[in-house]
Protein backbone atom coordinates (compact mmCIF):
# COMPACT_ATOMS: atom_id res chain seq x y z
CA MET A 1 7.64 -9.12 4.74
CA ASP A 2 10.27 -11.21 6.52
CA THR A 3 11.71 -14.47 5.15
CA PRO A 4 10.09 -16.85 7.70
CA THR A 5 6.69 -15.40 6.83
CA ARG A 6 7.37 -15.82 3.12
CA ASN A 7 8.39 -19.44 3.70
CA ARG A 8 5.17 -20.18 5.59
CA ILE A 9 3.12 -18.57 2.85
CA ALA A 10 4.93 -20.58 0.17
CA LYS A 11 3.58 -23.76 1.80
CA LEU A 12 -0.03 -22.53 1.56
CA ASN A 13 -2.45 -23.32 -1.24
CA PRO A 14 -2.33 -21.19 -4.40
CA SER A 15 -5.24 -18.94 -3.44
CA ALA A 16 -3.51 -17.99 -0.18
CA ARG A 17 -0.28 -17.25 -2.07
CA ASN A 18 -2.23 -15.06 -4.51
CA GLU A 19 -3.77 -13.16 -1.61
CA GLU A 20 -0.30 -12.56 -0.12
CA THR A 21 0.88 -11.22 -3.48
CA LYS A 22 -2.12 -8.89 -3.69
CA ILE A 23 -1.40 -7.53 -0.21
CA GLU A 24 2.30 -7.09 -0.92
CA ASN A 25 1.52 -5.22 -4.15
CA ARG A 26 -0.59 -2.76 -2.13
CA MET A 27 2.22 -1.85 0.30
CA ILE A 28 2.90 1.87 0.50
CA GLU A 29 6.16 3.10 -0.96
CA ASN A 30 5.56 6.79 -1.60
CA ILE A 31 3.70 9.69 -0.10
CA ASP A 32 3.05 12.38 -2.70
CA ILE A 33 1.49 15.81 -2.37
CA ASN A 34 -0.07 17.09 -5.60
CA ASP A 35 -2.87 19.58 -6.25
CA GLY A 36 -3.64 19.91 -2.54
CA LYS A 37 -3.98 16.16 -1.98
CA ILE A 38 -1.79 13.73 -0.08
CA SER A 39 -1.61 10.40 -1.92
CA LEU A 40 -0.24 7.09 -0.69
CA THR A 41 1.07 5.05 -3.64
CA THR A 42 2.22 1.46 -4.07
CA LYS A 43 5.61 0.05 -4.99
CA GLY A 44 6.73 -0.92 -8.45
CA LYS A 45 6.52 0.44 -11.95
CA ASN A 46 2.71 0.25 -12.02
CA ARG A 47 2.22 2.58 -9.05
CA GLN A 48 -1.34 2.91 -7.86
CA VAL A 49 -2.95 5.31 -5.41
CA VAL A 50 -4.07 3.36 -2.33
CA ALA A 51 -5.41 6.28 -0.30
CA GLN A 52 -5.84 9.98 -0.72
CA ILE A 53 -6.84 12.91 1.50
CA SER A 54 -6.94 16.62 0.81
CA THR A 55 -4.53 18.80 2.75
CA GLU A 56 -7.47 20.96 3.85
CA ASP A 57 -9.31 17.96 5.35
CA LEU A 58 -6.15 16.92 7.15
CA LYS A 59 -5.59 20.41 8.57
CA ARG A 60 -9.20 20.55 9.75
CA GLU A 61 -8.95 17.16 11.49
CA LEU A 62 -5.68 18.08 13.21
CA GLN A 63 -7.12 21.25 14.79
């Protein structure tokens, strides 16, 4: 997120700032392939899987 956007958000009420933090914590940093599944994971030391699809489903949809 760019600096002007962060500055605008800083002026918002606390609940809006919390929502921005939640969204930023869900940003994708890694794409992993394990056990036949493609996983999109978040940034940071507490990485979480945001989305997941099997490689077989992806192949089928791309045909």
